PDB file of N, CA and C in Angstrom:
ATOM      1  N   MET A   1     101.474  99.638 117.628  1.00  0.00           N
ATOM      2  CA  MET A   1     100.566  98.682 117.023  1.00  0.00           C
ATOM      3  C   MET A   1      99.284  99.408 116.643  1.00  0.00           C
ATOM      4  N   LYS A   2      98.851  99.179 115.414  1.00  0.00           N
ATOM      5  CA  LYS A   2      97.594  99.736 114.929  1.00  0.00           C
ATOM      6  C   LYS A   2      96.513  98.670 115.104  1.00  0.00           C
ATOM      7  N   LYS A   3      95.511  98.973 115.917  1.00  0.00           N
ATOM      8  CA  LYS A   3      94.394  98.046 116.130  1.00  0.00           C
ATOM      9  C   LYS A   3      93.465  98.093 114.921  1.00  0.00           C
ATOM     10  N   PHE A   4      92.826  96.966 114.620  1.00  0.00           N
ATOM     11  CA  PHE A   4      91.857  96.939 113.528  1.00  0.00           C
ATOM     12  C   PHE A   4      90.673  96.057 113.889  1.00  0.00           C
ATOM     13  N   SER A   5      89.562  96.378 113.265  1.00  0.00           N
ATOM     14  CA  SER A   5      88.348  95.583 113.361  1.00  0.00           C
ATOM     15  C   SER A   5      87.718  95.603 111.976  1.00  0.00           C
ATOM     16  N   ILE A   6      87.703  94.473 111.319  1.00  0.00           N
ATOM     17  CA  ILE A   6      87.155  94.358 109.965  1.00  0.00           C
ATOM     18  C   ILE A   6      85.844  93.604 110.070  1.00  0.00           C
ATOM     19  N   SER A   7      84.755  94.276 109.749  1.00  0.00           N
ATOM     20  CA  SER A   7      83.432  93.655 109.895  1.00  0.00           C
ATOM     21  C   SER A   7      83.125  92.648 108.789  1.00  0.00           C
ATOM     22  N   ARG A   8      83.767  92.817 107.635  1.00  0.00           N
ATOM     23  CA  ARG A   8      83.548  91.872 106.527  1.00  0.00           C
ATOM     24  C   ARG A   8      84.593  92.132 105.457  1.00  0.00           C
ATOM     25  N   ILE A   9      85.340  91.094 105.115  1.00  0.00           N
ATOM     26  CA  ILE A   9      86.298  91.193 104.017  1.00  0.00           C
ATOM     27  C   ILE A   9      86.162  89.944 103.156  1.00  0.00           C
ATOM     28  N   HIS A  10      86.054  90.159 101.857  1.00  0.00           N
ATOM     29  CA  HIS A  10      85.939  89.069 100.893  1.00  0.00           C
ATOM     30  C   HIS A  10      87.340  88.722 100.397  1.00  0.00           C
ATOM     31  N   THR A  11      87.724  87.461 100.514  1.00  0.00           N
ATOM     32  CA  THR A  11      89.036  86.997 100.060  1.00  0.00           C
ATOM     33  C   THR A  11      88.848  85.783  99.163  1.00  0.00           C
ATOM     34  N   CYS A  12      89.951  85.313  98.591  1.00  0.00           N
ATOM     35  CA  CYS A  12      89.880  84.109  97.755  1.00  0.00           C
ATOM     36  C   CYS A  12      89.551  82.869  98.586  1.00  0.00           C
ATOM     37  N   SER A  13      89.729  82.967  99.906  1.00  0.00           N
ATOM     38  CA  SER A  13      89.443  81.842 100.799  1.00  0.00           C
ATOM     39  C   SER A  13      88.106  81.951 101.503  1.00  0.00           C
ATOM     40  N   GLY A  14      87.328  82.984 101.197  1.00  0.00           N
ATOM     41  CA  GLY A  14      86.027  83.144 101.814  1.00  0.00           C
ATOM     42  C   GLY A  14      85.821  84.534 102.394  1.00  0.00           C
ATOM     43  N   ILE A  15      84.774  84.667 103.175  1.00  0.00           N
ATOM     44  CA  ILE A  15      84.411  85.939 103.798  1.00  0.00           C
ATOM     45  C   ILE A  15      84.766  85.857 105.280  1.00  0.00           C
ATOM     46  N   PHE A  16      85.461  86.882 105.771  1.00  0.00           N
ATOM     47  CA  PHE A  16      85.961  86.857 107.143  1.00  0.00           C
ATOM     48  C   PHE A  16      85.577  88.117 107.906  1.00  0.00           C
ATOM     49  N   ARG A  17      85.558  87.982 109.227  1.00  0.00           N
ATOM     50  CA  ARG A  17      85.394  89.091 110.173  1.00  0.00           C
ATOM     51  C   ARG A  17      86.546  88.934 111.162  1.00  0.00           C
ATOM     52  N   LEU A  18      87.329  90.036 111.353  1.00  0.00           N
ATOM     53  CA  LEU A  18      88.554  89.917 112.142  1.00  0.00           C
ATOM     54  C   LEU A  18      88.733  91.090 113.097  1.00  0.00           C
ATOM     55  N   ILE A  19      89.370  90.799 114.228  1.00  0.00           N
ATOM     56  CA  ILE A  19      89.776  91.818 115.199  1.00  0.00           C
ATOM     57  C   ILE A  19      91.216  91.506 115.566  1.00  0.00           C
ATOM     58  N   GLY A  20      92.049  92.554 115.604  1.00  0.00           N
ATOM     59  CA  GLY A  20      93.443  92.324 115.976  1.00  0.00           C
ATOM     60  C   GLY A  20      94.263  93.583 115.916  1.00  0.00           C
ATOM     61  N   GLY A  21      95.554  93.399 115.739  1.00  0.00           N
ATOM     62  CA  GLY A  21      96.477  94.513 115.654  1.00  0.00           C
ATOM     63  C   GLY A  21      97.555  94.198 114.636  1.00  0.00           C
ATOM     64  N   ILE A  22      98.153  95.249 114.075  1.00  0.00           N
ATOM     65  CA  ILE A  22      99.186  95.078 113.054  1.00  0.00           C
ATOM     66  C   ILE A  22     100.344  96.017 113.357  1.00  0.00           C
ATOM     67  N   VAL A  23     101.549  95.500 113.178  1.00  0.00           N
ATOM     68  CA  VAL A  23     102.769  96.300 113.324  1.00  0.00           C
ATOM     69  C   VAL A  23     103.503  96.209 111.994  1.00  0.00           C
ATOM     70  N   ALA A  24     103.684  97.345 111.348  1.00  0.00           N
ATOM     71  CA  ALA A  24     104.367  97.386 110.056  1.00  0.00           C
ATOM     72  C   ALA A  24     105.642  98.206 110.187  1.00  0.00           C
ATOM     73  N   THR A  25     106.755  97.597 109.788  1.00  0.00           N
ATOM     74  CA  THR A  25     108.020  98.298 109.733  1.00  0.00           C
ATOM     75  C   THR A  25     108.501  98.253 108.288  1.00  0.00           C
ATOM     76  N   GLU A  26     109.646  98.833 108.032  1.00  0.00           N
ATOM     77  CA  GLU A  26     110.185  98.797 106.670  1.00  0.00           C
ATOM     78  C   GLU A  26     110.536  97.374 106.243  1.00  0.00           C
ATOM     79  N   LYS A  27     110.858  96.530 107.218  1.00  0.00           N
ATOM     80  CA  LYS A  27     111.330  95.187 106.902  1.00  0.00           C
ATOM     81  C   LYS A  27     110.273  94.095 107.026  1.00  0.00           C
ATOM     82  N   SER A  28     109.237  94.317 107.844  1.00  0.00           N
ATOM     83  CA  SER A  28     108.270  93.245 108.065  1.00  0.00           C
ATOM     84  C   SER A  28     106.919  93.790 108.505  1.00  0.00           C
ATOM     85  N   VAL A  29     105.941  92.904 108.447  1.00  0.00           N
ATOM     86  CA  VAL A  29     104.596  93.194 108.937  1.00  0.00           C
ATOM     87  C   VAL A  29     104.177  92.020 109.806  1.00  0.00           C
ATOM     88  N   GLU A  30     103.732  92.327 111.014  1.00  0.00           N
ATOM     89  CA  GLU A  30     103.259  91.287 111.925  1.00  0.00           C
ATOM     90  C   GLU A  30     101.811  91.562 112.290  1.00  0.00           C
ATOM     91  N   ILE A  31     100.992  90.516 112.239  1.00  0.00           N
ATOM     92  CA  ILE A  31      99.580  90.636 112.596  1.00  0.00           C
ATOM     93  C   ILE A  31      99.320  89.768 113.815  1.00  0.00           C
ATOM     94  N   GLU A  32      98.652  90.346 114.800  1.00  0.00           N
ATOM     95  CA  GLU A  32      98.215  89.594 115.972  1.00  0.00           C
ATOM     96  C   GLU A  32      96.693  89.595 115.961  1.00  0.00           C
ATOM     97  N   TYR A  33      96.107  88.410 115.835  1.00  0.00           N
ATOM     98  CA  TYR A  33      94.657  88.281 115.784  1.00  0.00           C
ATOM     99  C   TYR A  33      94.093  88.052 117.177  1.00  0.00           C
ATOM    100  N   GLU A  34      93.023  88.754 117.497  1.00  0.00           N
ATOM    101  CA  GLU A  34      92.299  88.532 118.747  1.00  0.00           C
ATOM    102  C   GLU A  34      91.110  87.609 118.511  1.00  0.00           C
ATOM    103  N   LYS A  35      90.431  87.819 117.372  1.00  0.00           N
ATOM    104  CA  LYS A  35      89.256  87.015 117.034  1.00  0.00           C
ATOM    105  C   LYS A  35      89.123  86.974 115.520  1.00  0.00           C
ATOM    106  N   VAL A  36      88.879  85.786 114.987  1.00  0.00           N
ATOM    107  CA  VAL A  36      88.688  85.604 113.551  1.00  0.00           C
ATOM    108  C   VAL A  36      87.478  84.710 113.352  1.00  0.00           C
ATOM    109  N   GLU A  37      86.580  85.155 112.482  1.00  0.00           N
ATOM    110  CA  GLU A  37      85.401  84.365 112.133  1.00  0.00           C
ATOM    111  C   GLU A  37      85.287  84.303 110.619  1.00  0.00           C
ATOM    112  N   PHE A  38      84.726  83.217 110.117  1.00  0.00           N
ATOM    113  CA  PHE A  38      84.451  83.110 108.685  1.00  0.00           C
ATOM    114  C   PHE A  38      82.960  82.860 108.490  1.00  0.00           C
ATOM    115  N   MET A  39      82.485  83.248 107.323  1.00  0.00           N
ATOM    116  CA  MET A  39      81.071  83.077 107.012  1.00  0.00           C
ATOM    117  C   MET A  39      80.860  81.653 106.520  1.00  0.00           C
ATOM    118  N   GLY A  40      80.160  80.881 107.316  1.00  0.00           N
ATOM    119  CA  GLY A  40      79.814  79.518 106.946  1.00  0.00           C
ATOM    120  C   GLY A  40      78.393  79.481 106.393  1.00  0.00           C
ATOM    121  N   THR A  41      77.901  78.311 106.114  1.00  0.00           N
ATOM    122  CA  THR A  41      76.552  78.187 105.569  1.00  0.00           C
ATOM    123  C   THR A  41      75.476  78.563 106.581  1.00  0.00           C
ATOM    124  N   ASP A  42      75.810  78.474 107.886  1.00  0.00           N
ATOM    125  CA  ASP A  42      74.847  78.815 108.935  1.00  0.00           C
ATOM    126  C   ASP A  42      75.178  80.115 109.654  1.00  0.00           C
ATOM    127  N   GLY A  43      76.034  80.936 109.057  1.00  0.00           N
ATOM    128  CA  GLY A  43      76.413  82.204 109.684  1.00  0.00           C
ATOM    129  C   GLY A  43      77.884  82.227 110.058  1.00  0.00           C
ATOM    130  N   TRP A  44      78.243  83.136 110.968  1.00  0.00           N
ATOM    131  CA  TRP A  44      79.633  83.317 111.376  1.00  0.00           C
ATOM    132  C   TRP A  44      80.106  82.160 112.250  1.00  0.00           C
ATOM    133  N   CYS A  45      81.315  81.644 111.941  1.00  0.00           N
ATOM    134  CA  CYS A  45      81.931  80.562 112.696  1.00  0.00           C
ATOM    135  C   CYS A  45      83.316  81.022 113.142  1.00  0.00           C
ATOM    136  N   GLU A  46      83.599  80.907 114.436  1.00  0.00           N
ATOM    137  CA  GLU A  46      84.881  81.369 114.959  1.00  0.00           C
ATOM    138  C   GLU A  46      85.981  80.349 114.673  1.00  0.00           C
ATOM    139  N   LEU A  47      87.135  80.855 114.255  1.00  0.00           N
ATOM    140  CA  LEU A  47      88.300  80.006 114.045  1.00  0.00           C
ATOM    141  C   LEU A  47      89.061  79.835 115.352  1.00  0.00           C
ATOM    142  N   ASP A  48      89.587  78.653 115.569  1.00  0.00           N
ATOM    143  CA  ASP A  48      90.461  78.391 116.711  1.00  0.00           C
ATOM    144  C   ASP A  48      91.850  78.866 116.315  1.00  0.00           C
ATOM    145  N   LEU A  49      92.283  79.987 116.879  1.00  0.00           N
ATOM    146  CA  LEU A  49      93.546  80.593 116.490  1.00  0.00           C
ATOM    147  C   LEU A  49      94.762  79.764 116.862  1.00  0.00           C
ATOM    148  N   ASN A  50      94.575  78.706 117.627  1.00  0.00           N
ATOM    149  CA  ASN A  50      95.680  77.818 118.000  1.00  0.00           C
ATOM    150  C   ASN A  50      95.817  76.629 117.061  1.00  0.00           C
ATOM    151  N   SER A  51      94.876  76.463 116.139  1.00  0.00           N
ATOM    152  CA  SER A  51      94.921  75.297 115.255  1.00  0.00           C
ATOM    153  C   SER A  51      95.793  75.559 114.028  1.00  0.00           C
ATOM    154  N   SER A  52      96.403  74.506 113.539  1.00  0.00           N
ATOM    155  CA  SER A  52      97.253  74.639 112.346  1.00  0.00           C
ATOM    156  C   SER A  52      96.422  74.960 111.107  1.00  0.00           C
ATOM    157  N   ASN A  53      95.185  74.454 111.051  1.00  0.00           N
ATOM    158  CA  ASN A  53      94.317  74.762 109.909  1.00  0.00           C
ATOM    159  C   ASN A  53      93.970  76.251 109.865  1.00  0.00           C
ATOM    160  N   ALA A  54      93.656  76.831 111.012  1.00  0.00           N
ATOM    161  CA  ALA A  54      93.340  78.257 111.063  1.00  0.00           C
ATOM    162  C   ALA A  54      94.558  79.080 110.671  1.00  0.00           C
ATOM    163  N   ASN A  55      95.729  78.694 111.146  1.00  0.00           N
ATOM    164  CA  ASN A  55      96.944  79.426 110.793  1.00  0.00           C
ATOM    165  C   ASN A  55      97.253  79.327 109.308  1.00  0.00           C
ATOM    166  N   ALA A  56      96.953  78.186 108.696  1.00  0.00           N
ATOM    167  CA  ALA A  56      97.153  78.031 107.255  1.00  0.00           C
ATOM    168  C   ALA A  56      96.220  78.961 106.480  1.00  0.00           C
ATOM    169  N   ILE A  57      94.977  79.054 106.917  1.00  0.00           N
ATOM    170  CA  ILE A  57      94.010  79.948 106.272  1.00  0.00           C
ATOM    171  C   ILE A  57      94.452  81.393 106.427  1.00  0.00           C
ATOM    172  N   LEU A  58      94.863  81.769 107.638  1.00  0.00           N
ATOM    173  CA  LEU A  58      95.291  83.150 107.880  1.00  0.00           C
ATOM    174  C   LEU A  58      96.531  83.495 107.058  1.00  0.00           C
ATOM    175  N   SER A  59      97.398  82.541 106.834  1.00  0.00           N
ATOM    176  CA  SER A  59      98.570  82.776 105.976  1.00  0.00           C
ATOM    177  C   SER A  59      98.142  83.047 104.538  1.00  0.00           C
ATOM    178  N   MET A  60      97.121  82.334 104.077  1.00  0.00           N
ATOM    179  CA  MET A  60      96.644  82.513 102.702  1.00  0.00           C
ATOM    180  C   MET A  60      96.012  83.881 102.483  1.00  0.00           C
ATOM    181  N   ILE A  61      95.364  84.430 103.512  1.00  0.00           N
ATOM    182  CA  ILE A  61      94.677  85.710 103.345  1.00  0.00           C
ATOM    183  C   ILE A  61      95.461  86.885 103.929  1.00  0.00           C
ATOM    184  N   GLN A  62      96.683  86.639 104.387  1.00  0.00           N
ATOM    185  CA  GLN A  62      97.471  87.681 105.049  1.00  0.00           C
ATOM    186  C   GLN A  62      97.649  88.922 104.186  1.00  0.00           C
ATOM    187  N   SER A  63      97.953  88.762 102.901  1.00  0.00           N
ATOM    188  CA  SER A  63      98.169  89.939 102.048  1.00  0.00           C
ATOM    189  C   SER A  63      96.891  90.757 101.899  1.00  0.00           C
ATOM    190  N   ASP A  64      95.725  90.104 101.856  1.00  0.00           N
ATOM    191  CA  ASP A  64      94.447  90.822 101.794  1.00  0.00           C
ATOM    192  C   ASP A  64      94.232  91.646 103.059  1.00  0.00           C
ATOM    193  N   ILE A  65      94.556  91.064 104.211  1.00  0.00           N
ATOM    194  CA  ILE A  65      94.368  91.755 105.492  1.00  0.00           C
ATOM    195  C   ILE A  65      95.319  92.943 105.583  1.00  0.00           C
ATOM    196  N   ILE A  66      96.582  92.725 105.243  1.00  0.00           N
ATOM    197  CA  ILE A  66      97.570  93.808 105.304  1.00  0.00           C
ATOM    198  C   ILE A  66      97.149  94.955 104.405  1.00  0.00           C
ATOM    199  N   HIS A  67      96.780  94.646 103.182  1.00  0.00           N
ATOM    200  CA  HIS A  67      96.356  95.693 102.244  1.00  0.00           C
ATOM    201  C   HIS A  67      95.156  96.458 102.788  1.00  0.00           C
ATOM    202  N   HIS A  68      94.177  95.741 103.291  1.00  0.00           N
ATOM    203  CA  HIS A  68      92.963  96.379 103.812  1.00  0.00           C
ATOM    204  C   HIS A  68      93.272  97.303 104.987  1.00  0.00           C
ATOM    205  N   VAL A  69      94.039  96.802 105.947  1.00  0.00           N
ATOM    206  CA  VAL A  69      94.318  97.581 107.159  1.00  0.00           C
ATOM    207  C   VAL A  69      95.203  98.787 106.857  1.00  0.00           C
ATOM    208  N   LEU A  70      96.224  98.590 106.061  1.00  0.00           N
ATOM    209  CA  LEU A  70      97.175  99.686 105.831  1.00  0.00           C
ATOM    210  C   LEU A  70      96.664 100.748 104.858  1.00  0.00           C
ATOM    211  N   THR A  71      95.616 100.450 104.115  1.00  0.00           N
ATOM    212  CA  THR A  71      95.054 101.465 103.215  1.00  0.00           C
ATOM    213  C   THR A  71      93.869 102.196 103.804  1.00  0.00           C
ATOM    214  N   GLN A  72      93.448 101.806 105.002  1.00  0.00           N
ATOM    215  CA  GLN A  72      92.335 102.484 105.673  1.00  0.00           C
ATOM    216  C   GLN A  72      92.871 103.663 106.481  1.00  0.00           C
ATOM    217  N   PRO A  73      92.096 104.755 106.540  1.00  0.00           N
ATOM    218  CA  PRO A  73      92.550 105.920 107.316  1.00  0.00           C
ATOM    219  C   PRO A  73      92.571 105.660 108.806  1.00  0.00           C
TER     220      PRO A  73
END
């Protein structure tokens, strides 16, 4: 598992800060999030990783996260 910490990433769904790990094989990519925050009007707001809304958002930005993590040295 490759650990990652993204201090700021701009996506079509907003600006996020994420900590987690990624496992990439030839057949699949799995991301395990430890902490996810989005930039709200009053600053960083933590997402509840157990909520269906947070999981829907993370699904929408998954390709952005994968691209960012796998292209970094």
